[in-house]
Amino acid sequence: MMDIIILIGGILSISIIVIGKKRHNKLFVSIGVVLILICSVYIVPDFFRGVRDGFINGDL
């Protein structure tokens, strides 16, 4: 469930940034960047955990 929420947040933030850049609204762009950073905080630890498990259990 958390993955779906993070994915929706990422898509929403990218669309907010695009709309903000087209309308030259710096508030939308900054809100989009903050949302991307919040989503990244949740994604990065899972990514590193997956890479670590892949190196330990994978066939390299």
PDB file of N, CA and C in Angstrom:
ATOM      1  N   MET A   1       0.823  -1.195   0.000  1.00  0.00           N
ATOM      2  CA  MET A   1       0.000   0.000   0.000  1.00  0.00           C
ATOM      3  C   MET A   1       0.869   1.262   0.000  1.00  0.00           C
ATOM      4  N   MET A   2       1.957   1.225   0.774  1.00  0.00           N
ATOM      5  CA  MET A   2       2.837   2.388   0.846  1.00  0.00           C
ATOM      6  C   MET A   2       3.505   2.649  -0.498  1.00  0.00           C
ATOM      7  N   ASP A   3       3.821   1.589  -1.248  1.00  0.00           N
ATOM      8  CA  ASP A   3       4.435   1.766  -2.564  1.00  0.00           C
ATOM      9  C   ASP A   3       3.496   2.495  -3.519  1.00  0.00           C
ATOM     10  N   ILE A   4       2.221   2.186  -3.443  1.00  0.00           N
ATOM     11  CA  ILE A   4       1.243   2.838  -4.314  1.00  0.00           C
ATOM     12  C   ILE A   4       1.124   4.318  -3.965  1.00  0.00           C
ATOM     13  N   ILE A   5       1.126   4.627  -2.677  1.00  0.00           N
ATOM     14  CA  ILE A   5       1.034   6.023  -2.248  1.00  0.00           C
ATOM     15  C   ILE A   5       2.271   6.798  -2.703  1.00  0.00           C
ATOM     16  N   ILE A   6       3.445   6.186  -2.590  1.00  0.00           N
ATOM     17  CA  ILE A   6       4.678   6.847  -3.028  1.00  0.00           C
ATOM     18  C   ILE A   6       4.663   7.056  -4.540  1.00  0.00           C
ATOM     19  N   LEU A   7       4.186   6.073  -5.295  1.00  0.00           N
ATOM     20  CA  LEU A   7       4.101   6.198  -6.748  1.00  0.00           C
ATOM     21  C   LEU A   7       3.141   7.312  -7.150  1.00  0.00           C
ATOM     22  N   ILE A   8       1.994   7.384  -6.505  1.00  0.00           N
ATOM     23  CA  ILE A   8       1.033   8.448  -6.793  1.00  0.00           C
ATOM     24  C   ILE A   8       1.635   9.810  -6.438  1.00  0.00           C
ATOM     25  N   GLY A   9       2.342   9.879  -5.324  1.00  0.00           N
ATOM     26  CA  GLY A   9       2.989  11.127  -4.931  1.00  0.00           C
ATOM     27  C   GLY A   9       4.044  11.558  -5.932  1.00  0.00           C
ATOM     28  N   GLY A  10       4.810  10.610  -6.457  1.00  0.00           N
ATOM     29  CA  GLY A  10       5.823  10.938  -7.463  1.00  0.00           C
ATOM     30  C   GLY A  10       5.213  11.447  -8.752  1.00  0.00           C
ATOM     31  N   ILE A  11       4.166  10.792  -9.213  1.00  0.00           N
ATOM     32  CA  ILE A  11       3.493  11.226 -10.443  1.00  0.00           C
ATOM     33  C   ILE A  11       2.842  12.590 -10.236  1.00  0.00           C
ATOM     34  N   LEU A  12       2.222  12.775  -9.087  1.00  0.00           N
ATOM     35  CA  LEU A  12       1.582  14.046  -8.789  1.00  0.00           C
ATOM     36  C   LEU A  12       2.601  15.179  -8.710  1.00  0.00           C
ATOM     37  N   SER A  13       3.742  14.904  -8.100  1.00  0.00           N
ATOM     38  CA  SER A  13       4.746  15.962  -7.971  1.00  0.00           C
ATOM     39  C   SER A  13       5.351  16.330  -9.319  1.00  0.00           C
ATOM     40  N   ILE A  14       5.569  15.359 -10.185  1.00  0.00           N
ATOM     41  CA  ILE A  14       6.095  15.664 -11.522  1.00  0.00           C
ATOM     42  C   ILE A  14       5.082  16.490 -12.313  1.00  0.00           C
ATOM     43  N   SER A  15       3.803  16.145 -12.195  1.00  0.00           N
ATOM     44  CA  SER A  15       2.784  16.923 -12.909  1.00  0.00           C
ATOM     45  C   SER A  15       2.669  18.333 -12.342  1.00  0.00           C
ATOM     46  N   ILE A  16       2.822  18.502 -11.034  1.00  0.00           N
ATOM     47  CA  ILE A  16       2.787  19.840 -10.433  1.00  0.00           C
ATOM     48  C   ILE A  16       3.969  20.668 -10.927  1.00  0.00           C
ATOM     49  N   ILE A  17       5.142  20.056 -11.045  1.00  0.00           N
ATOM     50  CA  ILE A  17       6.309  20.784 -11.544  1.00  0.00           C
ATOM     51  C   ILE A  17       6.100  21.209 -12.991  1.00  0.00           C
ATOM     52  N   VAL A  18       5.563  20.331 -13.813  1.00  0.00           N
ATOM     53  CA  VAL A  18       5.332  20.677 -15.224  1.00  0.00           C
ATOM     54  C   VAL A  18       4.316  21.808 -15.339  1.00  0.00           C
ATOM     55  N   ILE A  19       3.245  21.732 -14.577  1.00  0.00           N
ATOM     56  CA  ILE A  19       2.238  22.800 -14.614  1.00  0.00           C
ATOM     57  C   ILE A  19       2.840  24.107 -14.112  1.00  0.00           C
ATOM     58  N   GLY A  20       3.630  24.041 -13.052  1.00  0.00           N
ATOM     59  CA  GLY A  20       4.257  25.240 -12.515  1.00  0.00           C
ATOM     60  C   GLY A  20       5.221  25.885 -13.495  1.00  0.00           C
ATOM     61  N   LYS A  21       5.963  25.062 -14.240  1.00  0.00           N
ATOM     62  CA  LYS A  21       6.898  25.627 -15.222  1.00  0.00           C
ATOM     63  C   LYS A  21       6.166  26.233 -16.417  1.00  0.00           C
ATOM     64  N   LYS A  22       5.050  25.632 -16.824  1.00  0.00           N
ATOM     65  CA  LYS A  22       4.302  26.186 -17.953  1.00  0.00           C
ATOM     66  C   LYS A  22       3.621  27.501 -17.584  1.00  0.00           C
ATOM     67  N   ARG A  23       3.169  27.616 -16.346  1.00  0.00           N
ATOM     68  CA  ARG A  23       2.488  28.840 -15.912  1.00  0.00           C
ATOM     69  C   ARG A  23       3.439  29.830 -15.251  1.00  0.00           C
ATOM     70  N   HIS A  24       4.710  29.489 -15.159  1.00  0.00           N
ATOM     71  CA  HIS A  24       5.737  30.319 -14.521  1.00  0.00           C
ATOM     72  C   HIS A  24       5.366  30.627 -13.073  1.00  0.00           C
ATOM     73  N   ASN A  25       4.889  29.594 -12.377  1.00  0.00           N
ATOM     74  CA  ASN A  25       4.491  29.732 -10.983  1.00  0.00           C
ATOM     75  C   ASN A  25       5.527  29.011 -10.125  1.00  0.00           C
ATOM     76  N   LYS A  26       6.336  29.776  -9.419  1.00  0.00           N
ATOM     77  CA  LYS A  26       7.420  29.185  -8.632  1.00  0.00           C
ATOM     78  C   LYS A  26       6.906  28.433  -7.414  1.00  0.00           C
ATOM     79  N   LEU A  27       5.720  28.764  -6.941  1.00  0.00           N
ATOM     80  CA  LEU A  27       5.150  28.064  -5.790  1.00  0.00           C
ATOM     81  C   LEU A  27       4.848  26.606  -6.140  1.00  0.00           C
ATOM     82  N   PHE A  28       4.256  26.361  -7.313  1.00  0.00           N
ATOM     83  CA  PHE A  28       3.972  24.994  -7.739  1.00  0.00           C
ATOM     84  C   PHE A  28       5.253  24.191  -7.916  1.00  0.00           C
ATOM     85  N   VAL A  29       6.263  24.824  -8.486  1.00  0.00           N
ATOM     86  CA  VAL A  29       7.532  24.130  -8.705  1.00  0.00           C
ATOM     87  C   VAL A  29       8.158  23.747  -7.368  1.00  0.00           C
ATOM     88  N   SER A  30       8.137  24.648  -6.408  1.00  0.00           N
ATOM     89  CA  SER A  30       8.738  24.334  -5.109  1.00  0.00           C
ATOM     90  C   SER A  30       7.944  23.275  -4.368  1.00  0.00           C
ATOM     91  N   ILE A  31       6.622  23.286  -4.476  1.00  0.00           N
ATOM     92  CA  ILE A  31       5.804  22.237  -3.851  1.00  0.00           C
ATOM     93  C   ILE A  31       6.110  20.889  -4.493  1.00  0.00           C
ATOM     94  N   GLY A  32       6.257  20.859  -5.810  1.00  0.00           N
ATOM     95  CA  GLY A  32       6.592  19.615  -6.502  1.00  0.00           C
ATOM     96  C   GLY A  32       7.944  19.066  -6.094  1.00  0.00           C
ATOM     97  N   VAL A  33       8.921  19.948  -5.940  1.00  0.00           N
ATOM     98  CA  VAL A  33      10.258  19.511  -5.530  1.00  0.00           C
ATOM     99  C   VAL A  33      10.225  18.947  -4.112  1.00  0.00           C
ATOM    100  N   VAL A  34       9.481  19.586  -3.227  1.00  0.00           N
ATOM    101  CA  VAL A  34       9.368  19.083  -1.845  1.00  0.00           C
ATOM    102  C   VAL A  34       8.688  17.719  -1.832  1.00  0.00           C
ATOM    103  N   LEU A  35       7.666  17.534  -2.647  1.00  0.00           N
ATOM    104  CA  LEU A  35       7.002  16.227  -2.708  1.00  0.00           C
ATOM    105  C   LEU A  35       7.939  15.143  -3.244  1.00  0.00           C
ATOM    106  N   ILE A  36       8.761  15.481  -4.232  1.00  0.00           N
ATOM    107  CA  ILE A  36       9.727  14.511  -4.753  1.00  0.00           C
ATOM    108  C   ILE A  36      10.740  14.146  -3.673  1.00  0.00           C
ATOM    109  N   LEU A  37      11.198  15.122  -2.903  1.00  0.00           N
ATOM    110  CA  LEU A  37      12.143  14.837  -1.820  1.00  0.00           C
ATOM    111  C   LEU A  37      11.525  13.947  -0.758  1.00  0.00           C
ATOM    112  N   ILE A  38      10.261  14.192  -0.423  1.00  0.00           N
ATOM    113  CA  ILE A  38       9.581  13.353   0.570  1.00  0.00           C
ATOM    114  C   ILE A  38       9.446  11.925   0.056  1.00  0.00           C
ATOM    115  N   CYS A  39       9.088  11.768  -1.213  1.00  0.00           N
ATOM    116  CA  CYS A  39       8.976  10.426  -1.794  1.00  0.00           C
ATOM    117  C   CYS A  39      10.338   9.738  -1.842  1.00  0.00           C
ATOM    118  N   SER A  40      11.397  10.499  -2.117  1.00  0.00           N
ATOM    119  CA  SER A  40      12.743   9.929  -2.180  1.00  0.00           C
ATOM    120  C   SER A  40      13.201   9.421  -0.823  1.00  0.00           C
ATOM    121  N   VAL A  41      12.784  10.085   0.241  1.00  0.00           N
ATOM    122  CA  VAL A  41      13.153   9.641   1.589  1.00  0.00           C
ATOM    123  C   VAL A  41      12.620   8.240   1.858  1.00  0.00           C
ATOM    124  N   TYR A  42      11.463   7.915   1.305  1.00  0.00           N
ATOM    125  CA  TYR A  42      10.897   6.583   1.498  1.00  0.00           C
ATOM    126  C   TYR A  42      11.453   5.561   0.509  1.00  0.00           C
ATOM    127  N   ILE A  43      11.855   6.003  -0.679  1.00  0.00           N
ATOM    128  CA  ILE A  43      12.304   5.079  -1.722  1.00  0.00           C
ATOM    129  C   ILE A  43      13.755   4.643  -1.528  1.00  0.00           C
ATOM    130  N   VAL A  44      14.639   5.564  -1.162  1.00  0.00           N
ATOM    131  CA  VAL A  44      16.082   5.298  -1.135  1.00  0.00           C
ATOM    132  C   VAL A  44      16.467   4.170  -0.174  1.00  0.00           C
ATOM    133  N   PRO A  45      15.946   4.107   1.057  1.00  0.00           N
ATOM    134  CA  PRO A  45      16.338   2.982   1.928  1.00  0.00           C
ATOM    135  C   PRO A  45      15.931   1.618   1.372  1.00  0.00           C
ATOM    136  N   ASP A  46      14.744   1.533   0.759  1.00  0.00           N
ATOM    137  CA  ASP A  46      14.329   0.275   0.153  1.00  0.00           C
ATOM    138  C   ASP A  46      15.217  -0.091  -1.030  1.00  0.00           C
ATOM    139  N   PHE A  47      15.642   0.899  -1.795  1.00  0.00           N
ATOM    140  CA  PHE A  47      16.529   0.651  -2.923  1.00  0.00           C
ATOM    141  C   PHE A  47      17.860   0.080  -2.449  1.00  0.00           C
ATOM    142  N   PHE A  48      18.453   0.715  -1.433  1.00  0.00           N
ATOM    143  CA  PHE A  48      19.739   0.221  -0.929  1.00  0.00           C
ATOM    144  C   PHE A  48      19.601  -1.149  -0.278  1.00  0.00           C
ATOM    145  N   ARG A  49      18.497  -1.401   0.379  1.00  0.00           N
ATOM    146  CA  ARG A  49      18.267  -2.714   0.978  1.00  0.00           C
ATOM    147  C   ARG A  49      18.165  -3.777  -0.115  1.00  0.00           C
ATOM    148  N   GLY A  50      17.490  -3.449  -1.228  1.00  0.00           N
ATOM    149  CA  GLY A  50      17.380  -4.387  -2.336  1.00  0.00           C
ATOM    150  C   GLY A  50      18.711  -4.646  -3.012  1.00  0.00           C
ATOM    151  N   VAL A  51      19.520  -3.600  -3.178  1.00  0.00           N
ATOM    152  CA  VAL A  51      20.848  -3.769  -3.769  1.00  0.00           C
ATOM    153  C   VAL A  51      21.722  -4.632  -2.874  1.00  0.00           C
ATOM    154  N   ARG A  52      21.681  -4.385  -1.570  1.00  0.00           N
ATOM    155  CA  ARG A  52      22.478  -5.168  -0.628  1.00  0.00           C
ATOM    156  C   ARG A  52      22.063  -6.634  -0.642  1.00  0.00           C
ATOM    157  N   ASP A  53      20.756  -6.886  -0.622  1.00  0.00           N
ATOM    158  CA  ASP A  53      20.283  -8.273  -0.662  1.00  0.00           C
ATOM    159  C   ASP A  53      20.616  -8.938  -1.992  1.00  0.00           C
ATOM    160  N   GLY A  54      20.623  -8.164  -3.064  1.00  0.00           N
ATOM    161  CA  GLY A  54      20.988  -8.716  -4.363  1.00  0.00           C
ATOM    162  C   GLY A  54      22.447  -9.115  -4.428  1.00  0.00           C
ATOM    163  N   PHE A  55      23.309  -8.314  -3.827  1.00  0.00           N
ATOM    164  CA  PHE A  55      24.729  -8.663  -3.815  1.00  0.00           C
ATOM    165  C   PHE A  55      25.004  -9.861  -2.910  1.00  0.00           C
ATOM    166  N   ILE A  56      24.294  -9.947  -1.804  1.00  0.00           N
ATOM    167  CA  ILE A  56      24.538 -11.047  -0.860  1.00  0.00           C
ATOM    168  C   ILE A  56      23.948 -12.342  -1.378  1.00  0.00           C
ATOM    169  N   ASN A  57      22.716 -12.302  -1.875  1.00  0.00           N
ATOM    170  CA  ASN A  57      22.029 -13.529  -2.275  1.00  0.00           C
ATOM    171  C   ASN A  57      22.060 -13.787  -3.772  1.00  0.00           C
ATOM    172  N   GLY A  58      22.477 -12.805  -4.568  1.00  0.00           N
ATOM    173  CA  GLY A  58      22.426 -12.926  -6.028  1.00  0.00           C
ATOM    174  C   GLY A  58      23.632 -13.672  -6.582  1.00  0.00           C
ATOM    175  N   ASP A  59      23.575 -13.905  -7.888  1.00  0.00           N
ATOM    176  CA  ASP A  59      24.677 -14.572  -8.590  1.00  0.00           C
ATOM    177  C   ASP A  59      25.511 -13.518  -9.307  1.00  0.00           C
ATOM    178  N   LEU A  60      26.600 -13.131  -8.707  1.00  0.00           N
ATOM    179  CA  LEU A  60      27.473 -12.154  -9.361  1.00  0.00           C
ATOM    180  C   LEU A  60      28.725 -12.828  -9.794  1.00  0.00           C
TER     181      LEU A  60
END
